[in-house]
Amino acid sequence: MLILRCPYCGNDVDETDLAPGGEAHIRRHGPGSTDAELTDYLFQRENPRGVHFERWRHAAGCGKWFHAARATDTLQVFGTYSAQTTEPPQEIRDAITKARPGWSWREFS
């Protein structure tokens, strides 16, 4: 079972108390975007085997959205952080690098 720590209320909660929100750090394009940019935003998502950054909502608790860094193949959680963060914090990237040297995900590594 997946257990994540809510960065807002500090509770360790299992996946039954959470609502998934899909991939984190999706770039949104403005009103002047092209059809291709809008299509990429709406439909193109990564589904890696390994390190992934996701959005979660503490639905049965504080109700706030947050991001989680985890490995999809082992369920290893590297950390959670505020949803208002535009990129993963350095300490989480360091934890991933320590566990999985040479990892990469988009422009984060």
N, C-alpha and C. Protein backbone atom coordinates (compact mmCIF):
# COMPACT_ATOMS: atom_id res chain seq x y z
N MET A 1 0.84 -1.18 0.00
CA MET A 1 0.00 0.00 0.00
C MET A 1 0.89 1.25 0.00
N LEU A 2 0.49 2.24 -0.75
CA LEU A 2 1.23 3.49 -0.84
C LEU A 2 0.90 4.36 0.37
N ILE A 3 1.94 4.82 1.05
CA ILE A 3 1.78 5.71 2.20
C ILE A 3 2.58 6.98 1.92
N LEU A 4 1.90 8.13 2.00
CA LEU A 4 2.53 9.42 1.76
C LEU A 4 2.33 10.32 2.97
N ARG A 5 3.29 11.22 3.19
CA ARG A 5 3.17 12.19 4.27
C ARG A 5 2.61 13.49 3.69
N CYS A 6 1.51 13.94 4.24
CA CYS A 6 0.94 15.22 3.81
C CYS A 6 1.86 16.33 4.32
N PRO A 7 2.41 17.16 3.43
CA PRO A 7 3.33 18.21 3.88
C PRO A 7 2.63 19.34 4.64
N TYR A 8 1.32 19.40 4.59
CA TYR A 8 0.59 20.47 5.27
C TYR A 8 0.22 20.10 6.70
N CYS A 9 -0.39 18.91 6.88
CA CYS A 9 -0.81 18.53 8.24
C CYS A 9 0.18 17.59 8.90
N GLY A 10 1.18 17.08 8.14
CA GLY A 10 2.24 16.25 8.71
C GLY A 10 1.85 14.81 8.99
N ASN A 11 0.68 14.38 8.56
CA ASN A 11 0.24 13.01 8.82
C ASN A 11 0.72 12.06 7.73
N ASP A 12 1.08 10.84 8.13
CA ASP A 12 1.35 9.78 7.18
C ASP A 12 0.01 9.12 6.87
N VAL A 13 -0.39 9.14 5.60
CA VAL A 13 -1.70 8.61 5.23
C VAL A 13 -1.55 7.60 4.11
N ASP A 14 -2.44 6.60 4.11
CA ASP A 14 -2.37 5.61 3.03
C ASP A 14 -3.24 6.08 1.86
N GLU A 15 -3.12 5.37 0.78
CA GLU A 15 -3.75 5.80 -0.46
C GLU A 15 -5.28 5.86 -0.39
N THR A 16 -5.89 5.21 0.58
CA THR A 16 -7.35 5.29 0.69
C THR A 16 -7.81 6.65 1.19
N ASP A 17 -6.92 7.42 1.81
CA ASP A 17 -7.25 8.77 2.27
C ASP A 17 -6.86 9.83 1.25
N LEU A 18 -6.31 9.41 0.12
CA LEU A 18 -5.81 10.34 -0.88
C LEU A 18 -6.60 10.22 -2.18
N ALA A 19 -6.58 11.30 -2.95
CA ALA A 19 -7.17 11.29 -4.29
C ALA A 19 -6.07 11.62 -5.28
N PRO A 20 -5.85 10.77 -6.29
CA PRO A 20 -4.78 11.04 -7.25
C PRO A 20 -5.14 12.19 -8.18
N GLY A 21 -4.13 12.95 -8.57
CA GLY A 21 -4.36 14.09 -9.45
C GLY A 21 -3.52 14.05 -10.71
N GLY A 22 -2.85 12.93 -10.95
CA GLY A 22 -2.07 12.81 -12.18
C GLY A 22 -0.66 13.36 -12.05
N GLU A 23 -0.08 13.60 -13.19
CA GLU A 23 1.31 14.03 -13.27
C GLU A 23 1.49 15.46 -12.75
N ALA A 24 2.57 15.68 -12.02
CA ALA A 24 2.88 17.01 -11.50
C ALA A 24 3.74 17.79 -12.49
N HIS A 25 3.81 19.07 -12.27
CA HIS A 25 4.68 19.98 -13.04
C HIS A 25 4.34 20.00 -14.53
N ILE A 26 3.05 20.03 -14.83
CA ILE A 26 2.59 20.16 -16.21
C ILE A 26 2.62 21.65 -16.57
N ARG A 27 3.22 21.97 -17.70
CA ARG A 27 3.28 23.36 -18.15
C ARG A 27 1.99 23.72 -18.89
N ARG A 28 1.35 24.76 -18.42
CA ARG A 28 0.13 25.23 -19.07
C ARG A 28 0.50 26.36 -20.03
N HIS A 29 -0.17 26.38 -21.16
CA HIS A 29 0.06 27.44 -22.14
C HIS A 29 -1.09 28.43 -22.07
N GLY A 30 -0.82 29.66 -22.39
CA GLY A 30 -1.82 30.72 -22.28
C GLY A 30 -2.86 30.71 -23.38
N PRO A 31 -3.69 31.75 -23.42
CA PRO A 31 -4.77 31.83 -24.39
C PRO A 31 -4.30 31.83 -25.84
N GLY A 32 -3.08 32.26 -26.09
CA GLY A 32 -2.57 32.30 -27.45
C GLY A 32 -1.88 31.02 -27.89
N SER A 33 -2.15 29.92 -27.21
CA SER A 33 -1.44 28.67 -27.51
C SER A 33 -1.91 28.07 -28.83
N THR A 34 -1.04 27.28 -29.41
CA THR A 34 -1.39 26.61 -30.66
C THR A 34 -2.21 25.36 -30.35
N ASP A 35 -2.80 24.78 -31.39
CA ASP A 35 -3.55 23.54 -31.20
C ASP A 35 -2.65 22.42 -30.69
N ALA A 36 -1.42 22.39 -31.18
CA ALA A 36 -0.47 21.35 -30.74
C ALA A 36 -0.12 21.51 -29.27
N GLU A 37 0.06 22.75 -28.80
CA GLU A 37 0.37 23.00 -27.39
C GLU A 37 -0.80 22.60 -26.50
N LEU A 38 -2.01 22.93 -26.93
CA LEU A 38 -3.20 22.56 -26.16
C LEU A 38 -3.37 21.04 -26.13
N THR A 39 -3.15 20.38 -27.24
CA THR A 39 -3.23 18.92 -27.29
C THR A 39 -2.21 18.28 -26.36
N ASP A 40 -0.97 18.78 -26.39
CA ASP A 40 0.06 18.26 -25.49
C ASP A 40 -0.35 18.44 -24.03
N TYR A 41 -0.89 19.61 -23.68
CA TYR A 41 -1.29 19.86 -22.30
C TYR A 41 -2.41 18.93 -21.87
N LEU A 42 -3.39 18.72 -22.73
CA LEU A 42 -4.54 17.91 -22.35
C LEU A 42 -4.30 16.41 -22.35
N PHE A 43 -3.47 15.93 -23.28
CA PHE A 43 -3.41 14.48 -23.48
C PHE A 43 -2.05 13.83 -23.29
N GLN A 44 -0.97 14.55 -23.42
CA GLN A 44 0.35 13.93 -23.37
C GLN A 44 0.85 13.87 -21.93
N ARG A 45 0.89 12.68 -21.38
CA ARG A 45 1.39 12.47 -20.03
C ARG A 45 2.45 11.40 -20.05
N GLU A 46 3.38 11.53 -19.13
CA GLU A 46 4.42 10.52 -19.01
C GLU A 46 3.91 9.40 -18.13
N ASN A 47 4.37 8.20 -18.39
CA ASN A 47 4.01 7.04 -17.59
C ASN A 47 5.27 6.19 -17.43
N PRO A 48 6.24 6.73 -16.70
CA PRO A 48 7.54 6.05 -16.64
C PRO A 48 7.54 4.86 -15.68
N ARG A 49 8.46 3.98 -15.94
CA ARG A 49 8.78 2.93 -14.97
C ARG A 49 9.99 3.46 -14.22
N GLY A 50 9.77 3.93 -13.02
CA GLY A 50 10.84 4.53 -12.24
C GLY A 50 10.39 5.83 -11.61
N VAL A 51 11.28 6.80 -11.53
CA VAL A 51 11.01 8.06 -10.85
C VAL A 51 9.90 8.83 -11.55
N HIS A 52 8.95 9.31 -10.74
CA HIS A 52 7.81 10.05 -11.28
C HIS A 52 7.36 11.08 -10.24
N PHE A 53 6.87 12.20 -10.70
CA PHE A 53 6.35 13.26 -9.83
C PHE A 53 4.85 13.36 -10.05
N GLU A 54 4.09 13.26 -8.95
CA GLU A 54 2.63 13.18 -9.05
C GLU A 54 1.95 14.19 -8.14
N ARG A 55 0.70 14.49 -8.47
CA ARG A 55 -0.16 15.34 -7.63
C ARG A 55 -1.09 14.45 -6.83
N TRP A 56 -1.27 14.78 -5.57
CA TRP A 56 -2.18 14.05 -4.70
C TRP A 56 -2.96 15.05 -3.86
N ARG A 57 -4.17 14.67 -3.48
CA ARG A 57 -5.01 15.50 -2.59
C ARG A 57 -5.30 14.70 -1.34
N HIS A 58 -5.09 15.31 -0.19
CA HIS A 58 -5.38 14.66 1.09
C HIS A 58 -6.90 14.76 1.31
N ALA A 59 -7.64 13.95 0.58
CA ALA A 59 -9.10 14.05 0.53
C ALA A 59 -9.79 13.78 1.87
N ALA A 60 -9.29 12.82 2.64
CA ALA A 60 -9.93 12.47 3.90
C ALA A 60 -9.27 13.19 5.08
N GLY A 61 -8.53 14.23 4.79
CA GLY A 61 -7.85 14.98 5.84
C GLY A 61 -8.01 16.47 5.62
N CYS A 62 -6.90 17.16 5.44
CA CYS A 62 -6.91 18.61 5.31
C CYS A 62 -7.46 19.09 3.97
N GLY A 63 -7.56 18.20 2.97
CA GLY A 63 -8.14 18.56 1.68
C GLY A 63 -7.20 19.28 0.73
N LYS A 64 -5.95 19.45 1.09
CA LYS A 64 -5.02 20.21 0.26
C LYS A 64 -4.28 19.32 -0.75
N TRP A 65 -3.91 19.95 -1.87
CA TRP A 65 -3.13 19.28 -2.91
C TRP A 65 -1.66 19.37 -2.58
N PHE A 66 -0.92 18.32 -2.92
CA PHE A 66 0.54 18.34 -2.76
C PHE A 66 1.16 17.47 -3.83
N HIS A 67 2.49 17.56 -3.96
CA HIS A 67 3.23 16.75 -4.91
C HIS A 67 3.99 15.66 -4.18
N ALA A 68 4.19 14.54 -4.86
CA ALA A 68 4.97 13.44 -4.31
C ALA A 68 5.96 12.96 -5.36
N ALA A 69 7.16 12.65 -4.92
CA ALA A 69 8.17 12.03 -5.79
C ALA A 69 8.29 10.59 -5.35
N ARG A 70 8.09 9.67 -6.30
CA ARG A 70 8.16 8.26 -5.96
C ARG A 70 8.61 7.45 -7.16
N ALA A 71 8.97 6.21 -6.90
CA ALA A 71 9.32 5.28 -7.96
C ALA A 71 8.10 4.42 -8.24
N THR A 72 7.67 4.42 -9.48
CA THR A 72 6.46 3.66 -9.84
C THR A 72 6.70 2.16 -9.86
N ASP A 73 7.94 1.74 -9.99
CA ASP A 73 8.21 0.30 -10.05
C ASP A 73 8.37 -0.35 -8.68
N THR A 74 8.70 0.43 -7.65
CA THR A 74 8.91 -0.14 -6.31
C THR A 74 8.04 0.51 -5.24
N LEU A 75 7.34 1.58 -5.57
CA LEU A 75 6.55 2.39 -4.63
C LEU A 75 7.42 3.11 -3.59
N GLN A 76 8.72 3.17 -3.83
CA GLN A 76 9.61 3.91 -2.91
C GLN A 76 9.26 5.40 -3.00
N VAL A 77 9.01 6.01 -1.86
CA VAL A 77 8.66 7.43 -1.80
C VAL A 77 9.91 8.22 -1.42
N PHE A 78 10.23 9.21 -2.24
CA PHE A 78 11.41 10.04 -1.98
C PHE A 78 11.05 11.30 -1.21
N GLY A 79 9.79 11.68 -1.21
CA GLY A 79 9.36 12.83 -0.44
C GLY A 79 8.12 13.47 -1.01
N THR A 80 7.52 14.35 -0.21
CA THR A 80 6.36 15.11 -0.63
C THR A 80 6.64 16.58 -0.39
N TYR A 81 5.93 17.43 -1.12
CA TYR A 81 6.16 18.87 -0.99
C TYR A 81 4.95 19.64 -1.51
N SER A 82 4.92 20.91 -1.23
CA SER A 82 3.80 21.77 -1.55
C SER A 82 3.47 21.77 -3.05
N ALA A 83 2.20 21.82 -3.37
CA ALA A 83 1.77 21.87 -4.76
C ALA A 83 2.07 23.21 -5.41
N GLN A 84 2.35 24.22 -4.61
CA GLN A 84 2.67 25.53 -5.15
C GLN A 84 4.14 25.63 -5.59
N THR A 85 4.89 24.57 -5.44
CA THR A 85 6.30 24.54 -5.83
C THR A 85 6.39 24.24 -7.32
N THR A 86 7.18 25.03 -8.03
CA THR A 86 7.26 24.87 -9.49
C THR A 86 8.21 23.76 -9.92
N GLU A 87 9.08 23.33 -9.03
CA GLU A 87 9.96 22.21 -9.33
C GLU A 87 10.29 21.47 -8.04
N PRO A 88 10.72 20.22 -8.14
CA PRO A 88 11.01 19.45 -6.93
C PRO A 88 12.13 20.10 -6.11
N PRO A 89 11.99 20.14 -4.79
CA PRO A 89 13.05 20.69 -3.94
C PRO A 89 14.36 19.92 -4.09
N GLN A 90 15.45 20.61 -3.87
CA GLN A 90 16.77 20.01 -4.05
C GLN A 90 16.98 18.80 -3.16
N GLU A 91 16.47 18.82 -1.93
CA GLU A 91 16.68 17.68 -1.04
C GLU A 91 15.99 16.42 -1.57
N ILE A 92 14.88 16.57 -2.24
CA ILE A 92 14.21 15.41 -2.83
C ILE A 92 14.99 14.92 -4.05
N ARG A 93 15.48 15.84 -4.87
CA ARG A 93 16.29 15.43 -6.02
C ARG A 93 17.57 14.73 -5.56
N ASP A 94 18.15 15.21 -4.44
CA ASP A 94 19.35 14.56 -3.89
C ASP A 94 19.03 13.14 -3.40
N ALA A 95 17.87 12.98 -2.75
CA ALA A 95 17.46 11.65 -2.27
C ALA A 95 17.26 10.68 -3.43
N ILE A 96 16.70 11.16 -4.53
CA ILE A 96 16.50 10.32 -5.70
C ILE A 96 17.84 9.93 -6.30
N THR A 97 18.75 10.91 -6.42
CA THR A 97 20.08 10.64 -6.99
C THR A 97 20.84 9.64 -6.14
N LYS A 98 20.69 9.72 -4.82
CA LYS A 98 21.37 8.78 -3.92
C LYS A 98 20.85 7.36 -4.15
N ALA A 99 19.54 7.21 -4.31
CA ALA A 99 18.94 5.89 -4.49
C ALA A 99 19.05 5.38 -5.92
N ARG A 100 19.04 6.29 -6.88
CA ARG A 100 19.05 5.91 -8.29
C ARG A 100 19.99 6.82 -9.08
N PRO A 101 21.29 6.57 -9.00
CA PRO A 101 22.25 7.40 -9.74
C PRO A 101 21.94 7.40 -11.24
N GLY A 102 22.03 8.57 -11.83
CA GLY A 102 21.80 8.69 -13.26
C GLY A 102 20.35 8.83 -13.69
N TRP A 103 19.42 9.00 -12.75
CA TRP A 103 18.01 9.14 -13.09
C TRP A 103 17.79 10.45 -13.82
N SER A 104 16.72 10.50 -14.55
CA SER A 104 16.30 11.77 -15.17
C SER A 104 14.79 11.72 -15.38
N TRP A 105 14.16 12.87 -15.31
CA TRP A 105 12.75 13.02 -15.58
C TRP A 105 12.55 14.44 -16.07
N ARG A 106 12.17 14.55 -17.33
CA ARG A 106 12.07 15.86 -17.97
C ARG A 106 13.36 16.61 -17.78
N GLU A 107 13.25 17.86 -17.31
CA GLU A 107 14.46 18.65 -17.11
C GLU A 107 15.01 18.52 -15.68
N PHE A 108 14.34 17.75 -14.84
CA PHE A 108 14.78 17.58 -13.47
C PHE A 108 15.71 16.38 -13.36
N SER A 109 16.81 16.55 -12.67
CA SER A 109 17.71 15.43 -12.40
C SER A 109 18.68 15.83 -11.31
